[in-house]
Amino acid sequence: MFRKVKVETVPLTPEVAARFANLTPLPGERSMKQSRMSYLSTCLLRGKFSSPDWALGICREDGQSYRLDGQHSSHTLVNLPVGATFPDLEVTISTYEFDSMDADASDLFNLFNNPRSVRSNGDMMGIYRAKFPELQDYSREFLVTVGNGLHEYESQRKKKAKAKDAVLFDARDRGLYFGHPSRPDFLVFTHWLAKFRGKNENFLKKPVIISEMLADYVMDAAQADEFWHLVFSESHPDPEHETRELASFLREELRHAKDPKIDMALLRKRSAKAWKVFTKTGEKKAAA
């Protein structure tokens, strides 16, 4: 059996962090995840690191104290990223007592960060959606998909065009794209993108495709609307039209959506090629 015996809030200092980081870990503690460390380091650099909650357990069998939760945050504080200052915060430390490792270790481990209780990126998107009445009719899952596509678009702008105004948010905060003052067009684009829910809407599951759609939309909204409508609906009378060929290619590639071998660069290249052919054809018709 185990039970919580004490909860205390104390000033967070380098000494407190070091003492907790050096506690004996619960045997079998998960390996340090670099992605989690990077996330916490980014929070420190941005001034968004919040007061941590840590937990330790005292085993009645051997009298030793073990770290139950707080591995990543305590180690991040001990190894501050370059440019970060130690935060002026409080830390809440919960103390548990338990009978023995054999009887209680697994239950104690499962007490913290259980995946069934984690708030997902979709849950987080609900918080951002609440700020915009015009987004209320869209599901959180759809908005997460759009946010990922907007992020891909901004990433490509930064990579290819060296755009200094590119806006990049972590996966959990991509709802910020919808209200970013320098990107008011993202809301308009989201409403446009919603038109393509239905036939072939699984095309939208790949951020690279949404990114290409946005690039086309920015270039020529009317022409992009015509082009992508033909792609999704596969309604052009010519069976060999570039929009039909692109739809067929995307459908085949995405048939195994979870296949890590799907070449995102190829999806981008084929989409861009079909758009280029379509716009060139349109220019010729206009000239004639």
C-alpha atoms as a PDB file:
ATOM      1  CA  MET A   1       0.000   0.000   0.000  1.00  0.00           C
ATOM      2  CA  PHE A   2       1.015   3.620  -0.445  1.00  0.00           C
ATOM      3  CA  ARG A   3      -0.385   6.954   0.646  1.00  0.00           C
ATOM      4  CA  LYS A   4       0.399  10.624   0.316  1.00  0.00           C
ATOM      5  CA  VAL A   5       1.669  11.912   3.661  1.00  0.00           C
ATOM      6  CA  LYS A   6       2.802  15.462   2.939  1.00  0.00           C
ATOM      7  CA  VAL A   7       2.567  18.264   0.390  1.00  0.00           C
ATOM      8  CA  GLU A   8       4.795  21.319   0.732  1.00  0.00           C
ATOM      9  CA  THR A   9       5.516  24.337  -1.414  1.00  0.00           C
ATOM     10  CA  VAL A  10       9.018  25.752  -1.072  1.00  0.00           C
ATOM     11  CA  PRO A  11      11.144  28.302  -2.957  1.00  0.00           C
ATOM     12  CA  LEU A  12      12.710  26.758  -6.055  1.00  0.00           C
ATOM     13  CA  THR A  13      16.476  27.169  -5.838  1.00  0.00           C
ATOM     14  CA  PRO A  14      19.422  25.593  -7.666  1.00  0.00           C
ATOM     15  CA  GLU A  15      20.171  23.618  -4.489  1.00  0.00           C
ATOM     16  CA  VAL A  16      16.635  22.244  -4.244  1.00  0.00           C
ATOM     17  CA  ALA A  17      16.692  21.292  -7.930  1.00  0.00           C
ATOM     18  CA  ALA A  18      20.079  19.574  -7.595  1.00  0.00           C
ATOM     19  CA  ARG A  19      18.997  17.687  -4.502  1.00  0.00           C
ATOM     20  CA  PHE A  20      15.884  16.393  -6.274  1.00  0.00           C
ATOM     21  CA  ALA A  21      17.712  15.589  -9.515  1.00  0.00           C
ATOM     22  CA  ASN A  22      20.223  13.522  -7.525  1.00  0.00           C
ATOM     23  CA  LEU A  23      17.604  11.512  -5.625  1.00  0.00           C
ATOM     24  CA  THR A  24      17.685   7.786  -6.227  1.00  0.00           C
ATOM     25  CA  PRO A  25      15.177   7.151  -9.026  1.00  0.00           C
ATOM     26  CA  LEU A  26      12.404   4.620  -8.692  1.00  0.00           C
ATOM     27  CA  PRO A  27      13.961   1.461 -10.176  1.00  0.00           C
ATOM     28  CA  GLY A  28      12.927   1.201 -13.793  1.00  0.00           C
ATOM     29  CA  GLU A  29      12.443   4.954 -14.188  1.00  0.00           C
ATOM     30  CA  ARG A  30      11.972   5.830 -17.874  1.00  0.00           C
ATOM     31  CA  SER A  31      14.980   6.989 -19.853  1.00  0.00           C
ATOM     32  CA  MET A  32      15.507  10.712 -20.221  1.00  0.00           C
ATOM     33  CA  LYS A  33      13.720  12.005 -23.310  1.00  0.00           C
ATOM     34  CA  GLN A  34      15.637  14.659 -25.216  1.00  0.00           C
ATOM     35  CA  SER A  35      12.437  16.004 -26.739  1.00  0.00           C
ATOM     36  CA  ARG A  36      11.018  16.662 -23.277  1.00  0.00           C
ATOM     37  CA  MET A  37      14.270  18.308 -22.154  1.00  0.00           C
ATOM     38  CA  SER A  38      14.262  20.519 -25.260  1.00  0.00           C
ATOM     39  CA  TYR A  39      10.665  21.528 -24.621  1.00  0.00           C
ATOM     40  CA  LEU A  40      11.412  22.529 -21.020  1.00  0.00           C
ATOM     41  CA  SER A  41      14.555  24.392 -22.114  1.00  0.00           C
ATOM     42  CA  THR A  42      12.489  26.355 -24.628  1.00  0.00           C
ATOM     43  CA  CYS A  43       9.997  27.218 -21.881  1.00  0.00           C
ATOM     44  CA  LEU A  44      12.834  28.525 -19.721  1.00  0.00           C
ATOM     45  CA  LEU A  45      14.209  30.662 -22.536  1.00  0.00           C
ATOM     46  CA  ARG A  46      10.767  32.104 -23.302  1.00  0.00           C
ATOM     47  CA  GLY A  47       9.918  32.778 -19.674  1.00  0.00           C
ATOM     48  CA  LYS A  48       7.079  30.237 -19.771  1.00  0.00           C
ATOM     49  CA  PHE A  49       8.492  27.667 -17.365  1.00  0.00           C
ATOM     50  CA  SER A  50       5.850  27.152 -14.660  1.00  0.00           C
ATOM     51  CA  SER A  51       6.238  26.133 -11.042  1.00  0.00           C
ATOM     52  CA  PRO A  52       6.939  22.388 -11.105  1.00  0.00           C
ATOM     53  CA  ASP A  53       5.237  19.629  -9.138  1.00  0.00           C
ATOM     54  CA  TRP A  54       7.568  16.911  -7.931  1.00  0.00           C
ATOM     55  CA  ALA A  55       6.997  13.718  -5.982  1.00  0.00           C
ATOM     56  CA  LEU A  56       9.198  11.519  -3.850  1.00  0.00           C
ATOM     57  CA  GLY A  57       8.460   8.256  -2.100  1.00  0.00           C
ATOM     58  CA  ILE A  58       9.820   6.851   1.152  1.00  0.00           C
ATOM     59  CA  CYS A  59       9.991   3.079   1.231  1.00  0.00           C
ATOM     60  CA  ARG A  60       9.025   1.700   4.643  1.00  0.00           C
ATOM     61  CA  GLU A  61      10.953  -1.488   3.925  1.00  0.00           C
ATOM     62  CA  ASP A  62      14.393   0.116   3.543  1.00  0.00           C
ATOM     63  CA  GLY A  63      13.772   3.711   4.698  1.00  0.00           C
ATOM     64  CA  GLN A  64      15.214   5.149   1.456  1.00  0.00           C
ATOM     65  CA  SER A  65      13.777   8.088  -0.486  1.00  0.00           C
ATOM     66  CA  TYR A  66      13.115   7.689  -4.207  1.00  0.00           C
ATOM     67  CA  ARG A  67      12.264  10.187  -6.939  1.00  0.00           C
ATOM     68  CA  LEU A  68       8.790   9.358  -8.271  1.00  0.00           C
ATOM     69  CA  ASP A  69       8.154  12.306 -10.598  1.00  0.00           C
ATOM     70  CA  GLY A  70      10.088  15.386 -11.696  1.00  0.00           C
ATOM     71  CA  GLN A  71      12.987  13.752 -13.480  1.00  0.00           C
ATOM     72  CA  HIS A  72      13.049  15.954 -16.579  1.00  0.00           C
ATOM     73  CA  SER A  73      12.281  19.322 -15.007  1.00  0.00           C
ATOM     74  CA  SER A  74      14.792  18.940 -12.163  1.00  0.00           C
ATOM     75  CA  HIS A  75      17.571  17.894 -14.541  1.00  0.00           C
ATOM     76  CA  THR A  76      16.740  20.755 -16.914  1.00  0.00           C
ATOM     77  CA  LEU A  77      17.065  23.216 -14.041  1.00  0.00           C
ATOM     78  CA  VAL A  78      20.397  21.724 -13.050  1.00  0.00           C
ATOM     79  CA  ASN A  79      21.607  22.015 -16.651  1.00  0.00           C
ATOM     80  CA  LEU A  80      20.191  25.382 -17.701  1.00  0.00           C
ATOM     81  CA  PRO A  81      20.295  26.075 -21.442  1.00  0.00           C
ATOM     82  CA  VAL A  82      22.650  28.823 -22.576  1.00  0.00           C
ATOM     83  CA  GLY A  83      20.977  32.189 -22.180  1.00  0.00           C
ATOM     84  CA  ALA A  84      18.452  31.086 -19.561  1.00  0.00           C
ATOM     85  CA  THR A  85      18.308  32.348 -15.975  1.00  0.00           C
ATOM     86  CA  PHE A  86      17.143  30.276 -13.042  1.00  0.00           C
ATOM     87  CA  PRO A  87      13.413  31.005 -12.555  1.00  0.00           C
ATOM     88  CA  ASP A  88      12.103  32.775  -9.476  1.00  0.00           C
ATOM     89  CA  LEU A  89       9.360  30.263  -8.669  1.00  0.00           C
ATOM     90  CA  GLU A  90       7.997  27.878  -6.065  1.00  0.00           C
ATOM     91  CA  VAL A  91       8.065  24.093  -6.303  1.00  0.00           C
ATOM     92  CA  THR A  92       5.413  21.787  -4.872  1.00  0.00           C
ATOM     93  CA  ILE A  93       6.799  18.531  -3.499  1.00  0.00           C
ATOM     94  CA  SER A  94       4.440  15.678  -2.630  1.00  0.00           C
ATOM     95  CA  THR A  95       5.769  12.957  -0.355  1.00  0.00           C
ATOM     96  CA  TYR A  96       4.427   9.406  -0.382  1.00  0.00           C
ATOM     97  CA  GLU A  97       5.101   6.445   1.856  1.00  0.00           C
ATOM     98  CA  PHE A  98       4.897   2.914   0.503  1.00  0.00           C
ATOM     99  CA  ASP A  99       5.438  -0.564   1.880  1.00  0.00           C
ATOM    100  CA  SER A 100       7.929  -2.121  -0.538  1.00  0.00           C
ATOM    101  CA  MET A 101       9.280  -2.063  -4.051  1.00  0.00           C
ATOM    102  CA  ASP A 102       7.847  -5.461  -4.909  1.00  0.00           C
ATOM    103  CA  ALA A 103       4.350  -4.542  -3.768  1.00  0.00           C
ATOM    104  CA  ASP A 104       4.042  -0.900  -4.798  1.00  0.00           C
ATOM    105  CA  ALA A 105       6.585   0.189  -7.455  1.00  0.00           C
ATOM    106  CA  SER A 106       4.361  -0.443 -10.491  1.00  0.00           C
ATOM    107  CA  ASP A 107       1.343   1.302  -8.965  1.00  0.00           C
ATOM    108  CA  LEU A 108       3.443   4.297  -7.969  1.00  0.00           C
ATOM    109  CA  PHE A 109       4.948   4.586 -11.445  1.00  0.00           C
ATOM    110  CA  ASN A 110       1.506   4.431 -13.041  1.00  0.00           C
ATOM    111  CA  LEU A 111       0.282   7.215 -10.752  1.00  0.00           C
ATOM    112  CA  PHE A 112       2.097   9.919 -12.722  1.00  0.00           C
ATOM    113  CA  ASN A 113       1.582  11.019 -16.344  1.00  0.00           C
ATOM    114  CA  ASN A 114      -0.727   8.136 -17.108  1.00  0.00           C
ATOM    115  CA  PRO A 115      -1.560   8.387 -20.844  1.00  0.00           C
ATOM    116  CA  ARG A 116      -5.267   8.008 -20.064  1.00  0.00           C
ATOM    117  CA  SER A 117      -5.213  11.297 -18.172  1.00  0.00           C
ATOM    118  CA  VAL A 118      -2.935  13.317 -20.477  1.00  0.00           C
ATOM    119  CA  ARG A 119      -4.455  16.364 -22.170  1.00  0.00           C
ATOM    120  CA  SER A 120      -3.776  15.858 -25.862  1.00  0.00           C
ATOM    121  CA  ASN A 121      -2.955  18.456 -28.511  1.00  0.00           C
ATOM    122  CA  GLY A 122      -6.584  18.141 -29.569  1.00  0.00           C
ATOM    123  CA  ASP A 123      -7.715  18.991 -26.048  1.00  0.00           C
ATOM    124  CA  MET A 124      -5.382  21.991 -26.070  1.00  0.00           C
ATOM    125  CA  MET A 125      -6.801  23.130 -29.415  1.00  0.00           C
ATOM    126  CA  GLY A 126     -10.187  23.384 -27.729  1.00  0.00           C
ATOM    127  CA  ILE A 127      -8.799  26.188 -25.550  1.00  0.00           C
ATOM    128  CA  TYR A 128      -7.626  28.137 -28.598  1.00  0.00           C
ATOM    129  CA  ARG A 129     -10.849  27.451 -30.513  1.00  0.00           C
ATOM    130  CA  ALA A 130     -12.857  29.020 -27.688  1.00  0.00           C
ATOM    131  CA  LYS A 131     -11.271  32.394 -28.475  1.00  0.00           C
ATOM    132  CA  PHE A 132     -12.735  32.498 -31.994  1.00  0.00           C
ATOM    133  CA  PRO A 133     -16.522  32.277 -32.461  1.00  0.00           C
ATOM    134  CA  GLU A 134     -15.993  31.694 -36.187  1.00  0.00           C
ATOM    135  CA  LEU A 135     -14.159  28.427 -35.460  1.00  0.00           C
ATOM    136  CA  GLN A 136     -16.794  26.877 -33.204  1.00  0.00           C
ATOM    137  CA  ASP A 137     -18.287  24.741 -35.975  1.00  0.00           C
ATOM    138  CA  TYR A 138     -14.970  23.038 -36.670  1.00  0.00           C
ATOM    139  CA  SER A 139     -13.814  20.021 -34.700  1.00  0.00           C
ATOM    140  CA  ARG A 140     -10.647  20.204 -32.644  1.00  0.00           C
ATOM    141  CA  GLU A 141      -9.198  17.408 -34.764  1.00  0.00           C
ATOM    142  CA  PHE A 142      -9.758  19.394 -37.959  1.00  0.00           C
ATOM    143  CA  LEU A 143      -8.146  22.496 -36.436  1.00  0.00           C
ATOM    144  CA  VAL A 144      -5.148  20.467 -35.279  1.00  0.00           C
ATOM    145  CA  THR A 145      -4.771  19.243 -38.862  1.00  0.00           C
ATOM    146  CA  VAL A 146      -4.983  22.802 -40.186  1.00  0.00           C
ATOM    147  CA  GLY A 147      -2.519  24.045 -37.572  1.00  0.00           C
ATOM    148  CA  ASN A 148      -0.013  21.393 -38.608  1.00  0.00           C
ATOM    149  CA  GLY A 149      -0.400  22.460 -42.237  1.00  0.00           C
ATOM    150  CA  LEU A 150       0.114  26.129 -41.361  1.00  0.00           C
ATOM    151  CA  HIS A 151       3.247  25.170 -39.467  1.00  0.00           C
ATOM    152  CA  GLU A 152       4.556  23.251 -42.482  1.00  0.00           C
ATOM    153  CA  TYR A 153       3.894  26.278 -44.693  1.00  0.00           C
ATOM    154  CA  GLU A 154       5.772  28.599 -42.357  1.00  0.00           C
ATOM    155  CA  SER A 155       8.613  26.102 -42.031  1.00  0.00           C
ATOM    156  CA  GLN A 156       8.975  25.964 -45.816  1.00  0.00           C
ATOM    157  CA  ARG A 157       8.957  29.760 -46.029  1.00  0.00           C
ATOM    158  CA  LYS A 158      11.763  29.932 -43.517  1.00  0.00           C
ATOM    159  CA  LYS A 159      13.718  27.138 -45.188  1.00  0.00           C
ATOM    160  CA  LYS A 160      13.345  28.144 -48.824  1.00  0.00           C
ATOM    161  CA  ALA A 161      12.823  31.892 -48.790  1.00  0.00           C
ATOM    162  CA  LYS A 162      14.792  32.631 -45.618  1.00  0.00           C
ATOM    163  CA  ALA A 163      11.694  34.507 -44.469  1.00  0.00           C
ATOM    164  CA  LYS A 164      12.523  36.399 -41.293  1.00  0.00           C
ATOM    165  CA  ASP A 165       8.834  36.869 -40.482  1.00  0.00           C
ATOM    166  CA  ALA A 166       8.090  33.123 -40.452  1.00  0.00           C
ATOM    167  CA  VAL A 167       6.049  32.174 -37.384  1.00  0.00           C
ATOM    168  CA  LEU A 168       6.760  28.763 -35.851  1.00  0.00           C
ATOM    169  CA  PHE A 169       4.873  27.270 -32.913  1.00  0.00           C
ATOM    170  CA  ASP A 170       5.314  23.959 -31.098  1.00  0.00           C
ATOM    171  CA  ALA A 171       2.749  21.234 -31.830  1.00  0.00           C
ATOM    172  CA  ARG A 172       0.858  21.970 -28.632  1.00  0.00           C
ATOM    173  CA  ASP A 173       0.485  25.679 -29.388  1.00  0.00           C
ATOM    174  CA  ARG A 174      -0.480  25.709 -33.054  1.00  0.00           C
ATOM    175  CA  GLY A 175      -3.850  27.164 -32.199  1.00  0.00           C
ATOM    176  CA  LEU A 176      -1.915  30.427 -31.895  1.00  0.00           C
ATOM    177  CA  TYR A 177      -1.708  30.569 -35.687  1.00  0.00           C
ATOM    178  CA  PHE A 178      -5.402  31.411 -35.892  1.00  0.00           C
ATOM    179  CA  GLY A 179      -5.010  34.626 -33.946  1.00  0.00           C
ATOM    180  CA  HIS A 180      -1.530  35.738 -34.879  1.00  0.00           C
ATOM    181  CA  PRO A 181      -1.633  39.460 -35.754  1.00  0.00           C
ATOM    182  CA  SER A 182       0.693  39.066 -38.731  1.00  0.00           C
ATOM    183  CA  ARG A 183      -1.326  36.154 -40.171  1.00  0.00           C
ATOM    184  CA  PRO A 184      -4.968  37.275 -40.360  1.00  0.00           C
ATOM    185  CA  ASP A 185      -5.257  35.400 -43.678  1.00  0.00           C
ATOM    186  CA  PHE A 186      -4.910  32.089 -41.835  1.00  0.00           C
ATOM    187  CA  LEU A 187      -8.472  32.347 -40.534  1.00  0.00           C
ATOM    188  CA  VAL A 188      -9.802  33.027 -44.035  1.00  0.00           C
ATOM    189  CA  PHE A 189      -7.771  30.123 -45.378  1.00  0.00           C
ATOM    190  CA  THR A 190      -9.172  27.815 -42.677  1.00  0.00           C
ATOM    191  CA  HIS A 191     -12.733  28.580 -43.772  1.00  0.00           C
ATOM    192  CA  TRP A 192     -11.755  27.887 -47.375  1.00  0.00           C
ATOM    193  CA  LEU A 193     -10.026  24.637 -46.440  1.00  0.00           C
ATOM    194  CA  ALA A 194     -13.137  23.439 -44.627  1.00  0.00           C
ATOM    195  CA  LYS A 195     -14.891  23.247 -48.011  1.00  0.00           C
ATOM    196  CA  PHE A 196     -12.805  20.185 -48.847  1.00  0.00           C
ATOM    197  CA  ARG A 197     -14.112  18.010 -46.046  1.00  0.00           C
ATOM    198  CA  GLY A 198     -15.900  15.129 -47.700  1.00  0.00           C
ATOM    199  CA  LYS A 199     -14.585  13.234 -50.691  1.00  0.00           C
ATOM    200  CA  ASN A 200     -10.834  12.641 -50.427  1.00  0.00           C
ATOM    201  CA  GLU A 201     -10.616  14.655 -47.192  1.00  0.00           C
ATOM    202  CA  ASN A 202      -7.869  12.307 -46.033  1.00  0.00           C
ATOM    203  CA  PHE A 203      -5.611  14.362 -48.343  1.00  0.00           C
ATOM    204  CA  LEU A 204      -5.765  16.991 -45.607  1.00  0.00           C
ATOM    205  CA  LYS A 205      -4.177  14.647 -43.091  1.00  0.00           C
ATOM    206  CA  LYS A 206      -0.746  15.428 -44.497  1.00  0.00           C
ATOM    207  CA  PRO A 207       0.560  18.875 -43.511  1.00  0.00           C
ATOM    208  CA  VAL A 208       2.597  19.064 -46.708  1.00  0.00           C
ATOM    209  CA  ILE A 209      -0.585  19.013 -48.813  1.00  0.00           C
ATOM    210  CA  ILE A 210      -2.214  21.772 -46.764  1.00  0.00           C
ATOM    211  CA  SER A 211       1.028  23.724 -47.101  1.00  0.00           C
ATOM    212  CA  GLU A 212       0.875  23.438 -50.902  1.00  0.00           C
ATOM    213  CA  MET A 213      -2.782  24.422 -50.899  1.00  0.00           C
ATOM    214  CA  LEU A 214      -1.966  27.533 -48.882  1.00  0.00           C
ATOM    215  CA  ALA A 215       0.933  28.454 -51.169  1.00  0.00           C
ATOM    216  CA  ASP A 216      -1.431  28.221 -54.151  1.00  0.00           C
ATOM    217  CA  TYR A 217      -4.145  30.146 -52.314  1.00  0.00           C
ATOM    218  CA  VAL A 218      -1.736  32.969 -51.494  1.00  0.00           C
ATOM    219  CA  MET A 219      -0.633  33.109 -55.126  1.00  0.00           C
ATOM    220  CA  ASP A 220      -4.128  33.173 -56.653  1.00  0.00           C
ATOM    221  CA  ALA A 221      -7.144  32.404 -54.457  1.00  0.00           C
ATOM    222  CA  ALA A 222      -9.624  32.040 -57.311  1.00  0.00           C
ATOM    223  CA  GLN A 223      -7.412  29.752 -59.355  1.00  0.00           C
ATOM    224  CA  ALA A 224      -6.481  27.723 -56.263  1.00  0.00           C
ATOM    225  CA  ASP A 225     -10.164  27.244 -55.504  1.00  0.00           C
ATOM    226  CA  GLU A 226     -10.793  25.894 -58.996  1.00  0.00           C
ATOM    227  CA  PHE A 227      -7.695  23.707 -59.036  1.00  0.00           C
ATOM    228  CA  TRP A 228      -8.161  22.053 -55.642  1.00  0.00           C
ATOM    229  CA  HIS A 229     -11.902  21.628 -56.156  1.00  0.00           C
ATOM    230  CA  LEU A 230     -11.092  19.594 -59.258  1.00  0.00           C
ATOM    231  CA  VAL A 231      -8.458  17.594 -57.361  1.00  0.00           C
ATOM    232  CA  PHE A 232     -10.682  16.668 -54.430  1.00  0.00           C
ATOM    233  CA  SER A 233     -13.826  16.054 -56.476  1.00  0.00           C
ATOM    234  CA  GLU A 234     -12.029  14.373 -59.398  1.00  0.00           C
ATOM    235  CA  SER A 235     -14.639  15.973 -61.609  1.00  0.00           C
ATOM    236  CA  HIS A 236     -12.687  17.161 -64.632  1.00  0.00           C
ATOM    237  CA  PRO A 237     -14.105  15.519 -67.780  1.00  0.00           C
ATOM    238  CA  ASP A 238     -10.630  14.659 -69.089  1.00  0.00           C
ATOM    239  CA  PRO A 239      -9.495  11.458 -67.278  1.00  0.00           C
ATOM    240  CA  GLU A 240      -5.869  12.392 -67.966  1.00  0.00           C
ATOM    241  CA  HIS A 241      -6.186  15.947 -66.643  1.00  0.00           C
ATOM    242  CA  GLU A 242      -3.448  16.980 -64.199  1.00  0.00           C
ATOM    243  CA  THR A 243      -5.972  17.364 -61.366  1.00  0.00           C
ATOM    244  CA  ARG A 244      -7.258  13.813 -61.833  1.00  0.00           C
ATOM    245  CA  GLU A 245      -3.728  12.452 -62.061  1.00  0.00           C
ATOM    246  CA  LEU A 246      -2.749  14.278 -58.873  1.00  0.00           C
ATOM    247  CA  ALA A 247      -5.803  12.960 -57.018  1.00  0.00           C
ATOM    248  CA  SER A 248      -5.011   9.419 -58.131  1.00  0.00           C
ATOM    249  CA  PHE A 249      -1.378   9.801 -57.047  1.00  0.00           C
ATOM    250  CA  LEU A 250      -2.274  11.227 -53.622  1.00  0.00           C
ATOM    251  CA  ARG A 251      -4.893   8.576 -52.975  1.00  0.00           C
ATOM    252  CA  GLU A 252      -2.455   5.802 -53.805  1.00  0.00           C
ATOM    253  CA  GLU A 253       0.333   7.300 -51.691  1.00  0.00           C
ATOM    254  CA  LEU A 254      -1.942   7.857 -48.707  1.00  0.00           C
ATOM    255  CA  ARG A 255      -3.537   4.435 -48.842  1.00  0.00           C
ATOM    256  CA  HIS A 256      -1.084   3.410 -46.167  1.00  0.00           C
ATOM    257  CA  ALA A 257      -1.217   6.670 -44.232  1.00  0.00           C
ATOM    258  CA  LYS A 258       0.907   5.424 -41.329  1.00  0.00           C
ATOM    259  CA  ASP A 259       3.675   4.093 -43.560  1.00  0.00           C
ATOM    260  CA  PRO A 260       6.858   5.963 -42.550  1.00  0.00           C
ATOM    261  CA  LYS A 261       8.183   5.446 -46.084  1.00  0.00           C
ATOM    262  CA  ILE A 262       5.748   7.979 -47.560  1.00  0.00           C
ATOM    263  CA  ASP A 263       7.935  10.595 -49.219  1.00  0.00           C
ATOM    264  CA  MET A 264       6.662  14.005 -48.128  1.00  0.00           C
ATOM    265  CA  ALA A 265       8.994  15.769 -50.535  1.00  0.00           C
ATOM    266  CA  LEU A 266       7.461  13.769 -53.384  1.00  0.00           C
ATOM    267  CA  LEU A 267       3.925  14.736 -52.306  1.00  0.00           C
ATOM    268  CA  ARG A 268       4.997  18.373 -52.354  1.00  0.00           C
ATOM    269  CA  LYS A 269       6.751  18.026 -55.710  1.00  0.00           C
ATOM    270  CA  ARG A 270       3.838  16.320 -57.456  1.00  0.00           C
ATOM    271  CA  SER A 271       1.322  18.821 -56.059  1.00  0.00           C
ATOM    272  CA  ALA A 272       3.470  21.768 -57.152  1.00  0.00           C
ATOM    273  CA  LYS A 273       3.989  20.252 -60.602  1.00  0.00           C
ATOM    274  CA  ALA A 274       0.251  19.741 -61.185  1.00  0.00           C
ATOM    275  CA  TRP A 275      -0.462  23.303 -60.018  1.00  0.00           C
ATOM    276  CA  LYS A 276       2.181  24.664 -62.378  1.00  0.00           C
ATOM    277  CA  VAL A 277       0.712  22.800 -65.355  1.00  0.00           C
ATOM    278  CA  PHE A 278      -2.785  23.960 -64.418  1.00  0.00           C
ATOM    279  CA  THR A 279      -1.829  27.618 -64.121  1.00  0.00           C
ATOM    280  CA  LYS A 280       0.181  27.547 -67.360  1.00  0.00           C
ATOM    281  CA  THR A 281      -2.820  26.074 -69.160  1.00  0.00           C
ATOM    282  CA  GLY A 282      -4.977  28.825 -67.717  1.00  0.00           C
ATOM    283  CA  GLU A 283      -2.569  31.478 -68.953  1.00  0.00           C
ATOM    284  CA  LYS A 284      -2.665  30.030 -72.467  1.00  0.00           C
ATOM    285  CA  LYS A 285      -6.463  30.050 -72.490  1.00  0.00           C
ATOM    286  CA  ALA A 286      -6.538  33.646 -71.278  1.00  0.00           C
ATOM    287  CA  ALA A 287      -4.077  34.688 -73.975  1.00  0.00           C
ATOM    288  CA  ALA A 288      -6.126  32.972 -76.675  1.00  0.00           C
END
